[in-house]
Amino acid sequence: MLKKLTVLALMILVAVVAGKHHPRRFHENHYKSQFIQWMNERNILYSSRDFHKRYDNFKNNVDYIANWNEAGSSTILGLTDFADLSNREYRQTYLGTTFDASDLLEQDSGLNQIFVGDLPNHLDWRVKGAVSHVKDQGRCGSCWSFSTVGALEGSNFLSTGKMETLSEQQLVDCTREYGNYGCNGGLMEPSFQYIIDNGGIMSEEAYPYTATDKAQCKFDKSKVVATMSAFNATVRGSEESLLQAVQHTPIAVAIDAGQRSFQLYKAGVYFDQGCSSYRLSHAVLLVGYGEDTTTTEHSQYWIVKNSWGTKWGNQGYIFMAKDASNHCGIASMSSYAII
C-alpha cells in the first residue's frame, strides 16, 4: 500500500507540473488527497500515460462541483464514478445516441390516456416491492435495455406477486432487427415489441449481463420467466399523463442526461436550465414521485432509477424536478408494459 501511495504521489507531482498553468480554486493538496481517496475507494490505478488526463479532469470537476454547490441550487453535486471524465467522454461512453423527440411532441401518442381519479401526494414503487436492485450497465450504452427490463419487472411483479430479475443482455444480443444497436443505443418500445413477439424474456441469472454486444443471441424459450401482451405510451410531453400512468406501474422513460450536473449528481432535486425537453440521450425507470419540504425551489420531484450502480446519485437514484415544463424531457417518450 505504501509503495502504491508513493507511486501516486510521484505521478501527481508530474501532473501538477504539467498542468500548473490552469487557475484552480483550491490548494494542490486538496485535490491530491481527494483524488487518492476517490481512487482507493474504487480500486483504480492508472497507467502513467493516462494519469495526467484523469487527474486534470478530476480537478476540473472538483472545481465545477464547488461552484455549483455554492450557488445554493436544489441539486447537490459530488464525486461520482464519472469524476475523472470530461463531459464529452462521459456522454460518448455512457449515453446513447441522442434522439430528437421534437416531432413526437407535436403529436399524440395515439394511445389512450389513463384516468384514475384523485391521486396521492406521493408514490414510491420501491416500498411496494415492484423495483429490483440497482444495476450497472458499465461502459456500454445499453441504458434502453435496463429501462425496458425495469418496466417489465415492475408490471410482472404487480401481476404475479413475484419479483423476477430479468435479462438486459437478452435485449442487447437479440433485438438488432428491431432497430436497436446494442452498446450504441436503442429504444424501449421496439424492445417491448420484441418481448411480445418472442414469447417472453429470460432471467438475469439464466442470461447474465456482460456489458458487451458482440455475442450471438442465446435466447432459450424453455427458460422464459416473464411475458407481456402489450405496451402503452403516455401522451407525449404531458407530465399529467405520466403522473396518471405511474399510479399503475413503473414507467420506462427517456431523458436528456448530457449535462455535467447530471454526470456529477449526488442528491437533492435535479434541475439544470440547460437540460432539453426533446434531445433525449438516456433511458431510465420512473418509480414514483414525492415532495422535498426542505426547499421552496423545485420541491416536487419524480423518483427515477438509473443503471449506473449505487455509487452514482442517491444510491443509484435521482430525484428529477416535477411539474417543471417537462424538464429534461421526462414525459417526452415514456411507456410501460402490460402483462
Foldseek 3Di string as FASTA:
>chain_A
DVVLVVVLVVLLVVLCVVPVVDDADDDSVVLSVVVVVVCVVVVDDDDSVCVSQQSVQLRVLVRVQVVVVVVPDLFHFDDFPCSSDDLVVCLVFAWAQWFFLPVLLVDWPPFDFDDDPDDDQKFFCVVVVLFDAAAALPRFNLQQLVLLQRQQQNQQCVVPVDRFAFASVLLLAPQVVLVAHRRRGDHNQSSLVCLAVVVATAGCVVVPRDSDRPDHRPDDNVRGDGGFHHKGAFTAQDLVSVSNVLVNTKKKFFFQQSDPSSVRTADGEDDDPPADQGGTIGIWIFRMWHAQPVDPPLRTWTWIAGRRALRHYPGRIHTYRGPPSCGRNRRRTMMHTHD
